[in-house]
């Protein structure tokens, strides 16, 4: 399914934060939102998810306006991964991931729900932690559980706000590889906010660069991540080289 953001604007206390944002994310595609703090990345994800109400514009999934959809129907289509766990529940890791099955569960979870959760726990490398207490695991493990919970929804659209926050380097690479595999195999439309330009360059099909709430540039990593754009958007002098995969690799030099 295709995610379309058309003319989305949002104000905080009469201060414009998003200004006429237009983005399209196709099925099987990872699009990364890049930009400095305050550029509107998290706000945009929250507008798409419905946590915030845009001042203007529309968000649609395969042409269906999300504002007109029932909450349960939307929850089956759209999964959201926050930067960190807001409410740390005193439940098992298994039960925390099972929450992602809520849109499908009637009076109680069934065999398919349990199978989906076990499969995703295994996929995320959390199989041995299923019975551990969610409020007793590390921040990085919590982040992986949040991603697992979103995947348990079997969403057509996946929103990720800094999915590698709290993860060490090895687990950053592992998690982004898993997300990429799920997106390609299940034809998910994925939009993720990222701070690490090099990780975004490596794992994204396209990049949306935000500056002061506006789309500064959009395209493949090689066309968007340039010395000029980093200077203009981040205020940083940098060297941009190609990595072994032909993707841009950024070496920051100094703040301007």
Protein backbone atom coordinates (compact mmCIF):
# COMPACT_ATOMS: atom_id res chain seq x y z
CA UNK A 1 0.00 0.00 0.00
CA UNK A 2 1.10 3.56 -0.67
CA UNK A 3 1.39 6.25 2.00
CA UNK A 4 0.73 9.78 0.77
CA UNK A 5 1.31 12.97 2.76
CA UNK A 6 -0.20 15.91 0.90
CA UNK A 7 0.22 19.54 1.96
CA UNK A 8 0.54 18.73 5.66
CA UNK A 9 1.09 21.72 7.94
CA UNK A 10 1.19 21.92 11.74
CA UNK A 11 1.59 24.70 14.31
CA UNK A 12 2.71 24.56 17.95
CA UNK A 13 1.16 27.51 19.80
CA UNK A 14 0.81 29.46 16.55
CA UNK A 15 4.43 28.68 15.61
CA UNK A 16 4.68 26.86 12.25
CA UNK A 17 6.50 23.53 12.64
CA UNK A 18 5.49 21.80 9.40
CA UNK A 19 4.86 23.78 6.23
CA UNK A 20 3.12 22.19 3.24
CA UNK A 21 4.92 18.84 3.45
CA UNK A 22 4.39 16.45 0.52
CA UNK A 23 5.84 12.93 0.65
CA UNK A 24 4.97 9.64 -1.02
CA UNK A 25 6.14 6.25 0.26
CA UNK A 26 5.54 3.26 -2.00
CA UNK A 27 5.02 -0.34 -0.95
CA UNK A 28 8.32 -2.11 -0.32
CA UNK A 29 10.19 1.17 0.13
CA UNK A 30 12.10 2.70 3.05
CA UNK A 31 12.09 6.50 3.11
CA UNK A 32 14.15 8.25 5.78
CA UNK A 33 13.40 11.68 7.22
CA UNK A 34 16.59 13.62 7.88
CA UNK A 35 17.11 17.07 9.34
CA UNK A 36 18.45 18.80 12.45
CA UNK A 37 16.61 18.92 15.76
CA UNK A 38 13.44 20.95 15.41
CA UNK A 39 13.07 20.37 11.68
CA UNK A 40 9.76 18.54 12.19
CA UNK A 41 10.63 14.85 11.80
CA UNK A 42 8.88 13.53 14.92
CA UNK A 43 5.99 15.98 14.54
CA UNK A 44 5.35 14.70 11.02
CA UNK A 45 5.27 11.07 12.17
CA UNK A 46 2.83 11.99 14.93
CA UNK A 47 0.60 13.80 12.45
CA UNK A 48 0.55 10.71 10.23
CA UNK A 49 -0.22 8.42 13.17
CA UNK A 50 -3.04 10.66 14.38
CA UNK A 51 -1.46 11.64 17.71
CA UNK A 52 -1.38 15.22 16.42
CA UNK A 53 -3.99 16.91 14.24
CA UNK A 54 -2.50 18.73 11.25
CA UNK A 55 -3.50 22.33 10.63
CA UNK A 56 -3.90 21.48 6.97
CA UNK A 57 -3.34 18.78 4.40
CA UNK A 58 -4.20 15.09 4.25
CA UNK A 59 -2.62 11.74 5.05
CA UNK A 60 -3.89 8.77 3.06
CA UNK A 61 -3.14 5.07 2.70
CA UNK A 62 -3.98 3.75 -0.77
CA UNK A 63 -6.19 6.77 -1.30
CA UNK A 64 -8.10 6.39 1.99
CA UNK A 65 -7.98 9.45 4.25
CA UNK A 66 -6.77 8.21 7.65
CA UNK A 67 -8.94 10.81 9.42
CA UNK A 68 -12.04 9.06 8.08
CA UNK A 69 -10.96 5.56 9.11
CA UNK A 70 -12.09 3.74 12.23
CA UNK A 71 -9.33 3.51 14.83
CA UNK A 72 -9.26 -0.29 14.77
CA UNK A 73 -9.05 -0.39 10.97
CA UNK A 74 -6.22 2.14 11.01
CA UNK A 75 -4.36 0.13 13.67
CA UNK A 76 -4.36 -2.87 11.33
CA UNK A 77 -2.71 -0.80 8.61
CA UNK A 78 -0.32 1.47 10.48
CA UNK A 79 2.38 0.59 13.02
CA UNK A 80 4.27 3.23 15.00
CA UNK A 81 7.59 2.86 16.84
CA UNK A 82 8.39 5.74 19.24
CA UNK A 83 11.89 6.83 20.21
CA UNK A 84 11.48 5.19 23.61
CA UNK A 85 8.92 3.39 25.74
CA UNK A 86 6.67 5.98 27.37
CA UNK A 87 4.73 3.63 29.63
CA UNK A 88 6.90 0.74 30.81
CA UNK A 89 4.39 -1.96 31.68
CA UNK A 90 5.04 -4.60 34.38
CA UNK A 91 4.34 -7.47 31.99
CA UNK A 92 6.36 -10.06 30.13
CA UNK A 93 8.15 -9.27 26.88
CA UNK A 94 5.75 -11.69 25.16
CA UNK A 95 2.70 -9.82 26.46
CA UNK A 96 4.22 -6.44 25.51
CA UNK A 97 4.56 -7.63 21.91
CA UNK A 98 1.09 -9.22 22.02
CA UNK A 99 -0.33 -5.71 22.50
CA UNK A 100 0.44 -5.23 18.81
CA UNK A 101 -2.16 -7.90 18.04
CA UNK A 102 -4.92 -5.95 19.80
CA UNK A 103 -6.63 -4.82 16.56
CA UNK A 104 -7.17 -8.49 15.65
CA UNK A 105 -8.10 -9.88 19.07
CA UNK A 106 -11.71 -10.35 20.15
CA UNK A 107 -12.26 -11.82 23.60
CA UNK A 108 -8.75 -13.19 23.77
CA UNK A 109 -5.67 -14.06 21.75
CA UNK A 110 -5.85 -17.07 19.49
CA UNK A 111 -3.37 -19.55 18.09
CA UNK A 112 -2.48 -17.34 15.13
CA UNK A 113 -1.81 -14.35 17.41
CA UNK A 114 0.57 -16.38 19.56
CA UNK A 115 2.32 -17.79 16.48
CA UNK A 116 2.80 -14.29 15.04
CA UNK A 117 4.28 -13.01 18.32
CA UNK A 118 6.65 -15.96 18.73
CA UNK A 119 7.82 -15.62 15.12
CA UNK A 120 8.53 -11.91 15.51
CA UNK A 121 10.32 -12.40 18.83
CA UNK A 122 12.54 -14.93 17.09
CA UNK A 123 13.08 -12.58 14.14
CA UNK A 124 14.15 -9.76 16.47
CA UNK A 125 16.48 -12.01 18.47
CA UNK A 126 14.21 -11.83 21.51
CA UNK A 127 13.04 -15.44 21.62
CA UNK A 128 14.94 -16.24 24.81
CA UNK A 129 13.50 -13.16 26.52
CA UNK A 130 9.80 -13.92 25.99
CA UNK A 131 9.08 -14.56 29.66
CA UNK A 132 11.31 -11.83 31.08
CA UNK A 133 9.70 -8.76 32.60
CA UNK A 134 9.45 -5.87 30.15
CA UNK A 135 10.26 -3.35 32.88
CA UNK A 136 13.43 -5.23 33.80
CA UNK A 137 15.27 -5.21 30.48
CA UNK A 138 17.76 -2.70 29.08
CA UNK A 139 16.86 0.38 27.03
CA UNK A 140 18.19 -1.22 23.87
CA UNK A 141 16.16 -4.38 24.48
CA UNK A 142 13.07 -2.25 25.10
CA UNK A 143 13.60 -0.57 21.75
CA UNK A 144 13.69 -3.95 20.01
CA UNK A 145 10.47 -4.94 21.82
CA UNK A 146 8.77 -1.75 20.60
CA UNK A 147 9.75 -2.60 17.03
CA UNK A 148 8.53 -6.17 17.53
CA UNK A 149 5.18 -4.87 18.84
CA UNK A 150 4.72 -2.73 15.74
CA UNK A 151 5.62 -5.65 13.46
CA UNK A 152 3.09 -7.83 15.31
CA UNK A 153 0.38 -5.56 13.91
CA UNK A 154 1.37 -6.82 10.44
CA UNK A 155 1.06 -3.23 9.21
CA UNK A 156 1.01 -2.03 5.62
CA UNK A 157 2.66 1.21 6.75
CA UNK A 158 5.43 1.38 9.34
CA UNK A 159 6.47 4.63 11.04
CA UNK A 160 9.73 4.57 12.99
CA UNK A 161 10.99 7.44 15.13
CA UNK A 162 14.72 6.92 15.67
CA UNK A 163 14.46 3.09 15.60
CA UNK A 164 18.14 2.68 16.51
CA UNK A 165 18.04 4.91 19.60
CA UNK A 166 19.50 3.16 22.66
CA UNK A 167 21.09 0.47 20.46
CA UNK A 168 24.80 -0.21 20.21
CA UNK A 169 26.46 -0.30 16.79
CA UNK A 170 26.00 -4.04 16.22
CA UNK A 171 22.31 -3.98 17.11
CA UNK A 172 21.72 -0.84 15.03
CA UNK A 173 22.91 -2.73 11.96
CA UNK A 174 20.97 -5.88 12.88
CA UNK A 175 17.70 -4.03 13.49
CA UNK A 176 17.88 -1.95 10.30
CA UNK A 177 18.69 -5.09 8.31
CA UNK A 178 15.62 -6.82 9.76
CA UNK A 179 13.41 -3.81 9.04
CA UNK A 180 14.70 -3.74 5.47
CA UNK A 181 13.96 -7.44 4.98
CA UNK A 182 10.42 -7.13 6.38
CA UNK A 183 9.72 -4.08 4.22
CA UNK A 184 10.84 -5.82 1.03
CA UNK A 185 9.26 -9.22 1.74
CA UNK A 186 5.92 -7.94 3.05
CA UNK A 187 5.73 -4.89 0.73
CA UNK A 188 5.46 -2.51 3.68
CA UNK A 189 5.69 1.27 3.21
CA UNK A 190 8.23 2.46 5.80
CA UNK A 191 8.94 6.03 6.86
CA UNK A 192 11.58 6.52 9.53
CA UNK A 193 13.07 9.56 11.23
CA UNK A 194 16.84 9.27 11.56
CA UNK A 195 19.68 11.30 13.07
CA UNK A 196 22.54 9.16 11.73
CA UNK A 197 23.04 10.23 8.13
CA UNK A 198 25.34 7.32 7.31
CA UNK A 199 22.86 4.69 8.53
CA UNK A 200 20.06 6.44 6.66
CA UNK A 201 22.20 6.53 3.52
CA UNK A 202 22.96 2.83 3.76
CA UNK A 203 19.50 1.48 4.52
CA UNK A 204 17.12 3.87 2.72
CA UNK A 205 15.69 3.76 -0.77
CA UNK A 206 14.99 7.48 -0.68
CA UNK A 207 15.75 10.43 1.60
CA UNK A 208 13.53 13.36 2.57
CA UNK A 209 15.61 16.23 3.92
CA UNK A 210 13.70 18.65 6.14
CA UNK A 211 14.75 22.19 6.98
CA UNK A 212 12.67 24.38 9.29
CA UNK A 213 9.55 22.32 8.67
CA UNK A 214 9.80 22.30 4.88
CA UNK A 215 10.99 19.64 2.44
CA UNK A 216 14.41 20.89 1.36
CA UNK A 217 15.10 17.97 -0.98
CA UNK A 218 13.90 14.46 -1.75
CA UNK A 219 15.43 11.67 -3.80
CA UNK A 220 17.86 8.78 -3.65
CA UNK A 221 20.63 9.06 -1.03
CA UNK A 222 23.29 9.99 -3.58
CA UNK A 223 21.36 12.96 -4.93
CA UNK A 224 20.19 14.32 -1.55
CA UNK A 225 23.15 13.78 0.78
CA UNK A 226 25.73 16.19 -0.60
CA UNK A 227 28.29 18.59 0.85
CA UNK A 228 26.09 21.49 -0.19
CA UNK A 229 22.91 20.14 1.42
CA UNK A 230 24.70 19.28 4.68
CA UNK A 231 26.16 22.78 4.79
CA UNK A 232 22.78 24.41 4.10
CA UNK A 233 20.58 22.24 6.33
CA UNK A 234 22.89 21.31 9.20
CA UNK A 235 25.36 24.20 9.15
CA UNK A 236 28.26 21.75 8.97
CA UNK A 237 31.22 21.45 6.62
CA UNK A 238 31.62 17.81 5.64
CA UNK A 239 33.31 15.51 3.19
CA UNK A 240 30.96 13.18 1.32
CA UNK A 241 32.49 10.06 -0.18
CA UNK A 242 31.05 6.89 -1.68
CA UNK A 243 31.11 3.78 0.51
CA UNK A 244 31.73 0.29 -0.85
CA UNK A 245 28.06 0.01 -1.78
CA UNK A 246 28.10 3.22 -3.79
CA UNK A 247 26.14 5.12 -1.14
CA UNK A 248 27.26 8.50 0.24
CA UNK A 249 29.31 8.40 3.45
CA UNK A 250 29.59 11.58 5.48
CA UNK A 251 32.68 12.72 7.39
CA UNK A 252 31.79 15.89 9.36
CA UNK A 253 34.63 18.40 9.68
CA UNK A 254 33.42 21.51 11.50
CA UNK A 255 30.37 23.56 12.40
CA UNK A 256 29.95 26.72 10.34
